[in-house]
Structures are given as C-alpha cells and as structure tokens.
C-alpha cells in the first residue's frame, strides 16, 4: 500500500512490457496512490469495511479514467478484494490467484509465507490459497511480529537494513526446516529487501508474479 511498492510495480510493469514488445514500448497505465496513513489507521482499528469502501472508490476512479483492468498493489488489502471487485465493471486481477497458479505450476503444495501479521494470521489469504490446493506455513511467534514490524517500520519508510535481511533469511530457513517447499514474499514491499539468493528454497515474489500475470492478460 506504500508508494515504495507502487513505484516497484510501475517499474516492473514497464520493464516487462518493453521486454516482451521491445523498442520504446511501455505500459499505458493509470496509477492512483491512496494515502497509506489513512489505510494503516483503518487496519489498526480493524475498520476493514471502511477500507474496502475507500479502495472501491479508488478503483471506480480508475475505471472512470479508462482502466480496462485493476490491480491492487498490496497483499494485505486483498482482504477486501470482494468489495472492490463487486463495485467495478472491469476485471480485478487477484494477487493470490496469480501467485497460487505459479506455485502449482512449479509443483509445490506446502509453502511458507512472509507477510504482514494480518495476511499471515487472518484466513482470507490462507483460504484463497487452499482453493488452489496450496497449504501455507507461517513463522512462529515472535518471528511473525518481527516480519510485520520490518515491513511497517522499515520497508514502508524506505529503510533497507542488512540486519533485517539476515533475520528474514533465518526465518525462511526455519520455514524450510518445518516443511516449506518454497516461500512466498507475500507483502509487496518485501521484494525490496530479499530475493531468490537469500533463500535455500524457491522464492515466489508476489509483486513480480502479479505484474507478469497482468501483462499476460493485457497482451492477450
């Protein structure tokens, strides 16, 4: 939900279109940035209904502006994806479906999840993955708190700390020991901190996967 991950989406989207089409091609797009402070306050207050209405309004604005599909550049706020999807007339590209499809294609069934506390602990993400036959393993406490705090106190504030990278590496190794065959970077800011080289098991970067799936759909 932060501008840090929105900027990453914009970069990846245009790089992927240029990679596929070549030359000076880029992705015709509309970017609507919602004030993250507003959404974060709603998250802390548990006002998911209010957040859903706010994001649905943003999606309608994009549709009115000519968008032919909508991406929500955050895993956590997919908790209110149904509200957004019901309020627009163009396709909503769901990040969990895209990520799950890539995991299943790779032959994995039990995967670790690094994400915000909301995404790791609430059922909206887990149940959607389960529909695709994917079982999630999440860090133990207090590692869930550590993962969450790094996202909110560092990554969404443009802070990239080597000490936090080492902690994430340790947590991924623990997930692997507990049976995870791969790990999902299930917060769109985590890609700023770690990548495939930081993990002993395959990494599924939900940010990049979401973008690549959207480009697939856009280019037919």
C-alpha atoms as a PDB file:
ATOM      1  CA  UNK A   1       0.000   0.000   0.000  1.00  0.00           C
ATOM      2  CA  UNK A   2       3.028   2.262   0.365  1.00  0.00           C
ATOM      3  CA  UNK A   3       4.398   4.313  -2.514  1.00  0.00           C
ATOM      4  CA  UNK A   4       7.591   2.251  -2.262  1.00  0.00           C
ATOM      5  CA  UNK A   5       5.847  -0.851  -3.574  1.00  0.00           C
ATOM      6  CA  UNK A   6       3.734   1.198  -6.014  1.00  0.00           C
ATOM      7  CA  UNK A   7       6.948   2.519  -7.557  1.00  0.00           C
ATOM      8  CA  UNK A   8       8.222  -1.050  -7.840  1.00  0.00           C
ATOM      9  CA  UNK A   9       5.005  -2.080  -9.601  1.00  0.00           C
ATOM     10  CA  UNK A  10       5.341   0.792 -12.062  1.00  0.00           C
ATOM     11  CA  UNK A  11       8.967  -0.096 -12.834  1.00  0.00           C
ATOM     12  CA  UNK A  12       8.300  -3.824 -13.238  1.00  0.00           C
ATOM     13  CA  UNK A  13       5.190  -3.256 -15.354  1.00  0.00           C
ATOM     14  CA  UNK A  14       7.027  -1.092 -17.856  1.00  0.00           C
ATOM     15  CA  UNK A  15      10.131  -3.283 -17.892  1.00  0.00           C
ATOM     16  CA  UNK A  16       8.021  -6.360 -18.606  1.00  0.00           C
ATOM     17  CA  UNK A  17       6.120  -4.699 -21.457  1.00  0.00           C
ATOM     18  CA  UNK A  18       9.381  -3.470 -23.009  1.00  0.00           C
ATOM     19  CA  UNK A  19      10.936  -6.926 -22.599  1.00  0.00           C
ATOM     20  CA  UNK A  20       8.053  -8.508 -24.492  1.00  0.00           C
ATOM     21  CA  UNK A  21       7.405  -5.859 -27.142  1.00  0.00           C
ATOM     22  CA  UNK A  22      10.834  -4.278 -27.480  1.00  0.00           C
ATOM     23  CA  UNK A  23      11.791  -0.851 -28.733  1.00  0.00           C
ATOM     24  CA  UNK A  24      10.258   2.114 -26.937  1.00  0.00           C
ATOM     25  CA  UNK A  25       7.159   0.253 -25.748  1.00  0.00           C
ATOM     26  CA  UNK A  26       5.834   0.888 -22.251  1.00  0.00           C
ATOM     27  CA  UNK A  27       2.609   0.082 -20.432  1.00  0.00           C
ATOM     28  CA  UNK A  28      -0.252   2.570 -20.835  1.00  0.00           C
ATOM     29  CA  UNK A  29      -1.418   2.820 -17.247  1.00  0.00           C
ATOM     30  CA  UNK A  30      -3.175   4.839 -14.580  1.00  0.00           C
ATOM     31  CA  UNK A  31      -1.690   4.968 -11.076  1.00  0.00           C
ATOM     32  CA  UNK A  32      -3.841   6.063  -8.148  1.00  0.00           C
ATOM     33  CA  UNK A  33      -1.958   6.438  -4.878  1.00  0.00           C
ATOM     34  CA  UNK A  34      -4.104   6.193  -1.755  1.00  0.00           C
ATOM     35  CA  UNK A  35      -2.756   7.840   1.410  1.00  0.00           C
ATOM     36  CA  UNK A  36      -1.207   4.869   3.225  1.00  0.00           C
ATOM     37  CA  UNK A  37      -1.552   6.619   6.596  1.00  0.00           C
ATOM     38  CA  UNK A  38      -5.314   6.564   6.142  1.00  0.00           C
ATOM     39  CA  UNK A  39      -5.385   2.857   5.294  1.00  0.00           C
ATOM     40  CA  UNK A  40      -2.876   1.897   8.002  1.00  0.00           C
ATOM     41  CA  UNK A  41      -5.044   3.601  10.630  1.00  0.00           C
ATOM     42  CA  UNK A  42      -8.047   1.599   9.398  1.00  0.00           C
ATOM     43  CA  UNK A  43      -6.003  -1.611   9.594  1.00  0.00           C
ATOM     44  CA  UNK A  44      -5.008  -0.933  13.207  1.00  0.00           C
ATOM     45  CA  UNK A  45      -8.599  -0.066  14.106  1.00  0.00           C
ATOM     46  CA  UNK A  46      -9.948  -3.182  12.377  1.00  0.00           C
ATOM     47  CA  UNK A  47     -12.096  -0.986  10.108  1.00  0.00           C
ATOM     48  CA  UNK A  48     -11.875  -3.287   7.119  1.00  0.00           C
ATOM     49  CA  UNK A  49     -15.320  -2.244   5.890  1.00  0.00           C
ATOM     50  CA  UNK A  50     -14.231   1.378   5.752  1.00  0.00           C
ATOM     51  CA  UNK A  51     -11.006   0.436   3.993  1.00  0.00           C
ATOM     52  CA  UNK A  52     -12.956  -1.611   1.482  1.00  0.00           C
ATOM     53  CA  UNK A  53     -15.198   1.331   0.662  1.00  0.00           C
ATOM     54  CA  UNK A  54     -12.191   3.626   0.300  1.00  0.00           C
ATOM     55  CA  UNK A  55     -10.374   1.275  -2.073  1.00  0.00           C
ATOM     56  CA  UNK A  56     -13.517   0.516  -4.060  1.00  0.00           C
ATOM     57  CA  UNK A  57     -13.915   4.252  -4.603  1.00  0.00           C
ATOM     58  CA  UNK A  58     -10.323   4.421  -5.836  1.00  0.00           C
ATOM     59  CA  UNK A  59     -10.933   1.512  -8.224  1.00  0.00           C
ATOM     60  CA  UNK A  60     -14.041   3.224  -9.616  1.00  0.00           C
ATOM     61  CA  UNK A  61     -11.969   6.333 -10.256  1.00  0.00           C
ATOM     62  CA  UNK A  62      -9.501   4.275 -12.281  1.00  0.00           C
ATOM     63  CA  UNK A  63     -12.280   2.627 -14.257  1.00  0.00           C
ATOM     64  CA  UNK A  64     -13.840   6.009 -14.999  1.00  0.00           C
ATOM     65  CA  UNK A  65     -10.429   7.189 -16.183  1.00  0.00           C
ATOM     66  CA  UNK A  66     -10.286   4.389 -18.745  1.00  0.00           C
ATOM     67  CA  UNK A  67      -8.617   1.479 -16.954  1.00  0.00           C
ATOM     68  CA  UNK A  68      -9.523  -1.861 -18.536  1.00  0.00           C
ATOM     69  CA  UNK A  69      -8.316  -3.908 -15.562  1.00  0.00           C
ATOM     70  CA  UNK A  70      -7.476  -3.087 -11.950  1.00  0.00           C
ATOM     71  CA  UNK A  71      -4.578  -4.255  -9.779  1.00  0.00           C
ATOM     72  CA  UNK A  72      -4.443  -3.675  -6.032  1.00  0.00           C
ATOM     73  CA  UNK A  73      -0.730  -3.336  -5.266  1.00  0.00           C
ATOM     74  CA  UNK A  74      -0.830  -4.916  -1.809  1.00  0.00           C
ATOM     75  CA  UNK A  75      -1.445  -8.415  -0.473  1.00  0.00           C
ATOM     76  CA  UNK A  76      -2.956  -7.368   2.851  1.00  0.00           C
ATOM     77  CA  UNK A  77      -5.745  -5.288   1.383  1.00  0.00           C
ATOM     78  CA  UNK A  78      -6.881  -8.214  -0.728  1.00  0.00           C
ATOM     79  CA  UNK A  79      -8.861  -8.933   2.413  1.00  0.00           C
ATOM     80  CA  UNK A  80     -11.383  -6.522   0.883  1.00  0.00           C
ATOM     81  CA  UNK A  81     -10.909  -7.659  -2.719  1.00  0.00           C
ATOM     82  CA  UNK A  82     -14.502  -8.900  -2.976  1.00  0.00           C
ATOM     83  CA  UNK A  83     -15.804  -5.429  -2.111  1.00  0.00           C
ATOM     84  CA  UNK A  84     -13.652  -3.823  -4.787  1.00  0.00           C
ATOM     85  CA  UNK A  85     -14.442  -6.436  -7.415  1.00  0.00           C
ATOM     86  CA  UNK A  86     -18.184  -6.088  -6.841  1.00  0.00           C
ATOM     87  CA  UNK A  87     -18.004  -2.329  -7.353  1.00  0.00           C
ATOM     88  CA  UNK A  88     -16.294  -2.216 -10.758  1.00  0.00           C
ATOM     89  CA  UNK A  89     -17.175  -3.472 -14.203  1.00  0.00           C
ATOM     90  CA  UNK A  90     -13.672  -4.337 -15.397  1.00  0.00           C
ATOM     91  CA  UNK A  91     -11.554  -7.340 -14.383  1.00  0.00           C
ATOM     92  CA  UNK A  92      -9.855  -7.295 -10.985  1.00  0.00           C
ATOM     93  CA  UNK A  93      -6.510  -9.128 -11.135  1.00  0.00           C
ATOM     94  CA  UNK A  94      -6.246 -11.038  -7.856  1.00  0.00           C
ATOM     95  CA  UNK A  95      -2.711 -11.362  -6.471  1.00  0.00           C
ATOM     96  CA  UNK A  96      -3.400 -14.634  -4.622  1.00  0.00           C
ATOM     97  CA  UNK A  97      -4.776 -16.379  -7.700  1.00  0.00           C
ATOM     98  CA  UNK A  98      -1.773 -15.304  -9.768  1.00  0.00           C
ATOM     99  CA  UNK A  99       0.718 -16.398  -7.104  1.00  0.00           C
ATOM    100  CA  UNK A 100      -1.035 -19.692  -6.411  1.00  0.00           C
ATOM    101  CA  UNK A 101      -1.133 -20.565 -10.110  1.00  0.00           C
ATOM    102  CA  UNK A 102       2.630 -20.049 -10.364  1.00  0.00           C
ATOM    103  CA  UNK A 103       3.236 -22.199  -7.272  1.00  0.00           C
ATOM    104  CA  UNK A 104       1.050 -25.044  -8.536  1.00  0.00           C
ATOM    105  CA  UNK A 105       2.686 -24.866 -11.964  1.00  0.00           C
ATOM    106  CA  UNK A 106       6.053 -25.360 -10.228  1.00  0.00           C
ATOM    107  CA  UNK A 107       4.721 -28.446  -8.463  1.00  0.00           C
ATOM    108  CA  UNK A 108       4.692 -27.163  -4.879  1.00  0.00           C
ATOM    109  CA  UNK A 109       1.910 -27.794  -2.367  1.00  0.00           C
ATOM    110  CA  UNK A 110       3.290 -26.655   1.016  1.00  0.00           C
ATOM    111  CA  UNK A 111       4.840 -23.184   1.036  1.00  0.00           C
ATOM    112  CA  UNK A 112       5.998 -20.666   3.614  1.00  0.00           C
ATOM    113  CA  UNK A 113       4.510 -17.184   3.804  1.00  0.00           C
ATOM    114  CA  UNK A 114       6.218 -13.940   4.791  1.00  0.00           C
ATOM    115  CA  UNK A 115       3.771 -11.067   5.005  1.00  0.00           C
ATOM    116  CA  UNK A 116       2.116  -8.615   7.345  1.00  0.00           C
ATOM    117  CA  UNK A 117       0.622 -10.022  10.514  1.00  0.00           C
ATOM    118  CA  UNK A 118      -2.836  -9.503   9.008  1.00  0.00           C
ATOM    119  CA  UNK A 119      -2.018 -11.644   5.977  1.00  0.00           C
ATOM    120  CA  UNK A 120      -0.222 -14.345   7.944  1.00  0.00           C
ATOM    121  CA  UNK A 121      -2.834 -14.663  10.697  1.00  0.00           C
ATOM    122  CA  UNK A 122      -6.209 -13.924   9.080  1.00  0.00           C
ATOM    123  CA  UNK A 123      -7.952 -16.514   6.929  1.00  0.00           C
ATOM    124  CA  UNK A 124      -8.565 -14.527   3.718  1.00  0.00           C
ATOM    125  CA  UNK A 125      -5.166 -15.363   2.210  1.00  0.00           C
ATOM    126  CA  UNK A 126      -4.897 -18.896   3.549  1.00  0.00           C
ATOM    127  CA  UNK A 127      -8.385 -19.894   2.391  1.00  0.00           C
ATOM    128  CA  UNK A 128      -7.840 -18.499  -1.108  1.00  0.00           C
ATOM    129  CA  UNK A 129      -4.589 -20.442  -1.392  1.00  0.00           C
ATOM    130  CA  UNK A 130      -6.346 -23.549  -0.117  1.00  0.00           C
ATOM    131  CA  UNK A 131      -8.805 -23.289  -3.018  1.00  0.00           C
ATOM    132  CA  UNK A 132      -5.824 -23.811  -5.322  1.00  0.00           C
ATOM    133  CA  UNK A 133      -4.530 -26.760  -3.285  1.00  0.00           C
ATOM    134  CA  UNK A 134      -1.721 -24.823  -1.605  1.00  0.00           C
ATOM    135  CA  UNK A 135      -1.067 -25.175   2.137  1.00  0.00           C
ATOM    136  CA  UNK A 136       0.659 -22.311   3.950  1.00  0.00           C
ATOM    137  CA  UNK A 137       3.241 -22.433   6.734  1.00  0.00           C
ATOM    138  CA  UNK A 138       3.820 -19.181   8.636  1.00  0.00           C
ATOM    139  CA  UNK A 139       6.585 -18.208  11.066  1.00  0.00           C
ATOM    140  CA  UNK A 140       6.182 -18.843  14.757  1.00  0.00           C
ATOM    141  CA  UNK A 141       5.757 -16.031  17.241  1.00  0.00           C
ATOM    142  CA  UNK A 142       7.734 -13.797  17.789  1.00  0.00           C
ATOM    143  CA  UNK A 143       9.027 -14.099  14.217  1.00  0.00           C
ATOM    144  CA  UNK A 144       5.622 -13.087  12.823  1.00  0.00           C
ATOM    145  CA  UNK A 145       5.909  -9.873  14.814  1.00  0.00           C
ATOM    146  CA  UNK A 146       9.434  -9.310  13.515  1.00  0.00           C
ATOM    147  CA  UNK A 147       8.408  -9.800   9.880  1.00  0.00           C
ATOM    148  CA  UNK A 148       5.451  -7.437  10.352  1.00  0.00           C
ATOM    149  CA  UNK A 149       7.483  -4.756  12.129  1.00  0.00           C
ATOM    150  CA  UNK A 150      10.192  -4.728   9.458  1.00  0.00           C
ATOM    151  CA  UNK A 151       7.518  -4.101   6.825  1.00  0.00           C
ATOM    152  CA  UNK A 152       5.821  -1.238   8.656  1.00  0.00           C
ATOM    153  CA  UNK A 153       8.783   0.358  10.419  1.00  0.00           C
ATOM    154  CA  UNK A 154      11.428  -0.052   7.716  1.00  0.00           C
ATOM    155  CA  UNK A 155      10.315  -1.070   4.217  1.00  0.00           C
ATOM    156  CA  UNK A 156       7.358   1.311   4.004  1.00  0.00           C
ATOM    157  CA  UNK A 157       9.697   4.045   5.243  1.00  0.00           C
ATOM    158  CA  UNK A 158      12.328   3.409   2.534  1.00  0.00           C
ATOM    159  CA  UNK A 159      14.703   1.764   5.027  1.00  0.00           C
ATOM    160  CA  UNK A 160      16.587  -1.332   3.841  1.00  0.00           C
ATOM    161  CA  UNK A 161      18.572  -2.851   6.719  1.00  0.00           C
ATOM    162  CA  UNK A 162      21.110  -5.677   6.374  1.00  0.00           C
ATOM    163  CA  UNK A 163      20.260  -6.855   9.902  1.00  0.00           C
ATOM    164  CA  UNK A 164      16.626  -7.323   8.879  1.00  0.00           C
ATOM    165  CA  UNK A 165      17.677  -9.206   5.755  1.00  0.00           C
ATOM    166  CA  UNK A 166      19.638 -11.619   7.932  1.00  0.00           C
ATOM    167  CA  UNK A 167      16.616 -12.105  10.191  1.00  0.00           C
ATOM    168  CA  UNK A 168      14.379 -12.835   7.204  1.00  0.00           C
ATOM    169  CA  UNK A 169      16.962 -15.324   5.912  1.00  0.00           C
ATOM    170  CA  UNK A 170      16.915 -17.079   9.281  1.00  0.00           C
ATOM    171  CA  UNK A 171      13.116 -17.204   9.273  1.00  0.00           C
ATOM    172  CA  UNK A 172      12.996 -18.626   5.746  1.00  0.00           C
ATOM    173  CA  UNK A 173      15.481 -21.338   6.758  1.00  0.00           C
ATOM    174  CA  UNK A 174      13.220 -22.178   9.714  1.00  0.00           C
ATOM    175  CA  UNK A 175      10.181 -22.437   7.419  1.00  0.00           C
ATOM    176  CA  UNK A 176      12.148 -24.820   5.204  1.00  0.00           C
ATOM    177  CA  UNK A 177      13.020 -26.984   8.214  1.00  0.00           C
ATOM    178  CA  UNK A 178       9.297 -27.098   9.073  1.00  0.00           C
ATOM    179  CA  UNK A 179       8.414 -28.491   5.651  1.00  0.00           C
ATOM    180  CA  UNK A 180       8.011 -25.482   3.381  1.00  0.00           C
ATOM    181  CA  UNK A 181       8.997 -26.418  -0.175  1.00  0.00           C
ATOM    182  CA  UNK A 182       9.122 -22.753  -1.222  1.00  0.00           C
ATOM    183  CA  UNK A 183       8.388 -19.330   0.241  1.00  0.00           C
ATOM    184  CA  UNK A 184       6.010 -16.557  -0.830  1.00  0.00           C
ATOM    185  CA  UNK A 185       7.085 -12.945  -0.476  1.00  0.00           C
ATOM    186  CA  UNK A 186       3.506 -12.131   0.461  1.00  0.00           C
ATOM    187  CA  UNK A 187       3.900  -8.425   1.027  1.00  0.00           C
ATOM    188  CA  UNK A 188       4.649  -6.236  -1.969  1.00  0.00           C
ATOM    189  CA  UNK A 189       7.409  -4.364  -0.103  1.00  0.00           C
ATOM    190  CA  UNK A 190       9.408  -7.480   0.847  1.00  0.00           C
ATOM    191  CA  UNK A 191      10.849  -7.712  -2.658  1.00  0.00           C
ATOM    192  CA  UNK A 192      12.815  -4.562  -1.763  1.00  0.00           C
ATOM    193  CA  UNK A 193      14.652  -6.483   0.970  1.00  0.00           C
ATOM    194  CA  UNK A 194      15.197 -10.073  -0.161  1.00  0.00           C
ATOM    195  CA  UNK A 195      15.214 -12.218  -3.269  1.00  0.00           C
ATOM    196  CA  UNK A 196      15.977 -15.692  -4.538  1.00  0.00           C
ATOM    197  CA  UNK A 197      19.633 -15.521  -3.484  1.00  0.00           C
ATOM    198  CA  UNK A 198      18.572 -15.071   0.146  1.00  0.00           C
ATOM    199  CA  UNK A 199      16.648 -18.330   0.357  1.00  0.00           C
ATOM    200  CA  UNK A 200      17.561 -22.045   0.450  1.00  0.00           C
ATOM    201  CA  UNK A 201      14.174 -22.823  -1.130  1.00  0.00           C
ATOM    202  CA  UNK A 202      12.436 -21.364  -4.215  1.00  0.00           C
ATOM    203  CA  UNK A 203      11.059 -17.832  -3.795  1.00  0.00           C
ATOM    204  CA  UNK A 204       7.733 -16.678  -5.226  1.00  0.00           C
ATOM    205  CA  UNK A 205       7.731 -12.880  -5.357  1.00  0.00           C
ATOM    206  CA  UNK A 206       4.054 -11.909  -5.353  1.00  0.00           C
ATOM    207  CA  UNK A 207       4.839  -8.417  -6.665  1.00  0.00           C
ATOM    208  CA  UNK A 208       6.603  -9.623  -9.800  1.00  0.00           C
ATOM    209  CA  UNK A 209       4.148 -12.502 -10.323  1.00  0.00           C
ATOM    210  CA  UNK A 210       1.182 -10.114 -10.089  1.00  0.00           C
ATOM    211  CA  UNK A 211       2.738  -7.792 -12.669  1.00  0.00           C
ATOM    212  CA  UNK A 212       3.639 -10.608 -15.070  1.00  0.00           C
ATOM    213  CA  UNK A 213       0.129 -12.056 -14.876  1.00  0.00           C
ATOM    214  CA  UNK A 214      -1.401  -8.640 -15.564  1.00  0.00           C
ATOM    215  CA  UNK A 215       0.820  -8.212 -18.620  1.00  0.00           C
ATOM    216  CA  UNK A 216      -0.188 -11.680 -19.817  1.00  0.00           C
ATOM    217  CA  UNK A 217      -3.834 -10.628 -19.640  1.00  0.00           C
ATOM    218  CA  UNK A 218      -3.253  -7.200 -21.188  1.00  0.00           C
ATOM    219  CA  UNK A 219      -1.318  -8.510 -24.171  1.00  0.00           C
ATOM    220  CA  UNK A 220      -3.617 -11.484 -24.685  1.00  0.00           C
END
